[in-house]
Amino acid sequence: MRNLFPPAPPLRGKTDPMTGFTYTGALRPVVANLWLIPRNPIAGLGMGVVWAATWAVSTALPRGDLIGTIASFSSFGALIAAGAIGWQRPWLYGLVAGFFGYLIYAAYVVIGLSGQIADAGASTSVAVFLLINGSLQTMIGGLAGFYGGYLRRMMSDPNRRRAANAAAAARKRR
């Protein structure tokens, strides 16, 4: 795994995100993540709102529609942006954006279908679909957030940029 994702350097000018966190109990990793979420609401909650809006557009339009395709790419871009903005723990903010956005989207679906579902079997299948799809979108959010944060750190590394520029110049000379 280390070869696939070499360690990214810390972002310049950013302080330790855990400054001020004093909990020392047994659930320190869980409490630390819950402590970080409100420290950057735009990354988790704001990008979750963007994800929900773009996902709703992409699912409401027929397949193959250009606007729906752009909205689908934008929804994934919102999850990547959550990780890039949430530099403290990119995967966490992507996960929160995916989860919160899917809660909004599920409410939209339930409200939209509220008058159309008459029997209990159909409502159960809708609930199972929303639960499974929500779990999947939340996991995708965590992965996309990890990628967004990793990409931001790698792009901010001046040594890597210099090496890339030197490699591009060497290819031009050939």
Protein backbone atom coordinates (compact mmCIF):
# COMPACT_ATOMS: atom_id res chain seq x y z
CA MET A 1 0.00 0.00 0.00
CA ARG A 2 2.93 2.32 0.71
CA ASN A 3 4.10 1.96 -2.92
CA LEU A 4 0.64 2.77 -4.24
CA PHE A 5 0.22 5.84 -2.01
CA PRO A 6 3.58 7.13 -0.81
CA PRO A 7 3.29 9.34 2.27
CA ALA A 8 2.27 12.87 1.34
CA PRO A 9 4.03 15.74 3.09
CA PRO A 10 2.07 17.91 5.51
CA LEU A 11 0.53 21.06 4.07
CA ARG A 12 2.64 24.17 4.52
CA GLY A 13 1.18 26.84 6.76
CA LYS A 14 -1.32 24.49 8.41
CA THR A 15 -1.15 23.82 12.12
CA ASP A 16 -1.77 20.53 13.86
CA PRO A 17 -5.52 19.87 13.49
CA MET A 18 -5.67 18.25 16.93
CA THR A 19 -4.54 21.38 18.80
CA GLY A 20 -6.98 21.84 21.68
CA PHE A 21 -8.20 18.24 21.72
CA THR A 22 -7.66 16.83 25.20
CA TYR A 23 -9.69 13.60 25.41
CA THR A 24 -7.57 10.63 26.52
CA GLY A 25 -10.17 7.87 26.96
CA ALA A 26 -10.49 4.51 25.28
CA LEU A 27 -12.50 5.85 22.33
CA ARG A 28 -9.94 8.52 21.43
CA PRO A 29 -9.98 7.84 17.63
CA VAL A 30 -13.78 8.02 17.46
CA VAL A 31 -14.05 11.09 19.67
CA ALA A 32 -11.22 12.79 17.75
CA ASN A 33 -13.10 12.31 14.47
CA LEU A 34 -16.33 13.62 15.99
CA TRP A 35 -14.38 16.57 17.38
CA LEU A 36 -12.92 17.41 13.97
CA ILE A 37 -16.19 17.41 12.00
CA PRO A 38 -17.53 20.77 13.29
CA ARG A 39 -14.07 22.37 12.89
CA ASN A 40 -14.58 22.52 9.10
CA PRO A 41 -18.33 22.48 8.34
CA ILE A 42 -17.91 23.56 4.71
CA ALA A 43 -15.88 20.47 3.92
CA GLY A 44 -18.30 17.92 5.31
CA LEU A 45 -21.73 19.48 5.43
CA GLY A 46 -21.35 22.05 2.64
CA MET A 47 -19.99 19.55 0.14
CA GLY A 48 -22.70 17.13 1.29
CA VAL A 49 -25.34 19.66 0.23
CA VAL A 50 -23.60 20.11 -3.13
CA TRP A 51 -23.41 16.33 -3.55
CA ALA A 52 -27.12 15.90 -2.76
CA ALA A 53 -28.16 18.59 -5.23
CA THR A 54 -26.02 17.29 -8.07
CA TRP A 55 -26.91 13.65 -7.36
CA ALA A 56 -30.63 14.50 -7.35
CA VAL A 57 -30.22 16.17 -10.75
CA SER A 58 -28.24 13.26 -12.15
CA THR A 59 -30.81 10.68 -11.03
CA ALA A 60 -33.86 12.72 -12.05
CA LEU A 61 -32.82 13.08 -15.68
CA PRO A 62 -32.93 10.24 -18.22
CA ARG A 63 -29.73 8.25 -18.82
CA GLY A 64 -27.53 9.71 -21.51
CA ASP A 65 -28.67 13.28 -20.88
CA LEU A 66 -25.72 15.69 -21.01
CA ILE A 67 -26.82 17.69 -17.97
CA GLY A 68 -27.30 14.48 -15.99
CA THR A 69 -23.83 13.29 -16.94
CA ILE A 70 -22.28 16.61 -15.90
CA ALA A 71 -24.24 16.49 -12.62
CA SER A 72 -22.99 12.95 -11.98
CA PHE A 73 -19.36 14.02 -12.44
CA SER A 74 -20.01 17.08 -10.29
CA SER A 75 -21.42 14.94 -7.49
CA PHE A 76 -18.23 12.89 -7.40
CA GLY A 77 -16.20 16.10 -7.64
CA ALA A 78 -17.99 17.42 -4.55
CA LEU A 79 -16.79 14.39 -2.57
CA ILE A 80 -13.24 14.88 -3.81
CA ALA A 81 -13.48 18.59 -2.93
CA ALA A 82 -14.61 17.64 0.59
CA GLY A 83 -11.32 15.82 1.05
CA ALA A 84 -9.31 18.64 -0.50
CA ILE A 85 -10.99 21.27 1.69
CA GLY A 86 -10.97 19.08 4.79
CA TRP A 87 -7.22 18.89 5.06
CA GLN A 88 -7.41 17.78 8.71
CA ARG A 89 -8.72 14.29 7.80
CA PRO A 90 -9.68 14.13 4.12
CA TRP A 91 -11.27 10.68 4.24
CA LEU A 92 -13.42 11.74 7.20
CA TYR A 93 -14.77 14.83 5.47
CA GLY A 94 -15.48 12.86 2.29
CA LEU A 95 -17.31 10.27 4.37
CA VAL A 96 -19.31 12.97 6.18
CA ALA A 97 -20.16 14.68 2.87
CA GLY A 98 -21.33 11.38 1.40
CA PHE A 99 -23.37 10.48 4.49
CA PHE A 100 -24.93 13.90 5.04
CA GLY A 101 -25.59 14.37 1.33
CA TYR A 102 -27.25 10.99 1.13
CA LEU A 103 -29.48 11.83 4.09
CA ILE A 104 -30.67 14.89 2.17
CA TYR A 105 -31.11 12.85 -1.00
CA ALA A 106 -33.04 10.10 0.85
CA ALA A 107 -35.39 12.72 2.29
CA TYR A 108 -35.90 14.08 -1.24
CA VAL A 109 -36.74 10.58 -2.52
CA VAL A 110 -39.08 9.79 0.37
CA ILE A 111 -40.94 13.08 -0.04
CA GLY A 112 -41.14 12.56 -3.81
CA LEU A 113 -42.52 9.03 -3.42
CA SER A 114 -44.71 9.66 -0.37
CA GLY A 115 -48.00 9.69 -2.23
CA GLN A 116 -47.09 7.02 -4.77
CA ILE A 117 -46.31 3.99 -2.59
CA ALA A 118 -49.40 2.23 -1.31
CA ASP A 119 -48.32 -1.22 -0.11
CA ALA A 120 -45.86 -2.18 2.61
CA GLY A 121 -43.78 -4.41 0.32
CA ALA A 122 -42.92 -1.54 -2.01
CA SER A 123 -42.05 0.77 0.86
CA THR A 124 -39.80 -1.93 2.35
CA SER A 125 -37.96 -2.37 -0.94
CA VAL A 126 -37.50 1.41 -1.23
CA ALA A 127 -36.13 1.50 2.32
CA VAL A 128 -33.71 -1.37 1.61
CA PHE A 129 -32.59 0.32 -1.61
CA LEU A 130 -31.98 3.61 0.21
CA LEU A 131 -30.06 1.86 2.99
CA ILE A 132 -27.80 -0.12 0.64
CA ASN A 133 -27.24 2.77 -1.76
CA GLY A 134 -26.62 5.14 1.16
CA SER A 135 -23.98 2.83 2.59
CA LEU A 136 -22.30 2.59 -0.80
CA GLN A 137 -22.34 6.36 -1.36
CA THR A 138 -20.92 6.95 2.12
CA MET A 139 -18.03 4.56 1.42
CA ILE A 140 -17.45 6.20 -1.96
CA GLY A 141 -17.39 9.53 -0.13
CA GLY A 142 -14.64 8.30 2.19
CA LEU A 143 -12.54 7.03 -0.73
CA ALA A 144 -13.10 10.16 -2.80
CA GLY A 145 -12.25 12.37 0.18
CA PHE A 146 -9.05 10.40 0.75
CA TYR A 147 -8.14 10.92 -2.89
CA GLY A 148 -8.95 14.64 -2.74
CA GLY A 149 -6.80 15.17 0.33
CA TYR A 150 -3.97 13.08 -1.05
CA LEU A 151 -4.10 14.94 -4.35
CA ARG A 152 -4.01 18.30 -2.55
CA ARG A 153 -0.99 17.31 -0.49
CA MET A 154 0.88 15.96 -3.48
CA MET A 155 0.15 19.07 -5.55
CA SER A 156 1.32 21.32 -2.72
CA ASP A 157 4.67 19.54 -2.43
CA PRO A 158 7.23 21.83 -4.13
CA ASN A 159 9.81 19.02 -4.45
CA ARG A 160 7.37 16.86 -6.41
CA ARG A 161 6.46 19.79 -8.68
CA ARG A 162 10.12 20.49 -9.35
CA ALA A 163 10.73 16.83 -10.17
CA ALA A 164 7.73 16.78 -12.52
CA ASN A 165 8.90 19.95 -14.26
CA ALA A 166 12.42 18.53 -14.62
CA ALA A 167 11.03 15.31 -16.10
CA ALA A 168 8.87 17.29 -18.56
CA ALA A 169 11.87 19.38 -19.59
CA ALA A 170 13.98 16.24 -20.11
CA ARG A 171 11.25 14.76 -22.35
CA LYS A 172 11.18 17.95 -24.42
CA ARG A 173 14.93 17.81 -24.95
CA ARG A 174 14.78 14.28 -26.36
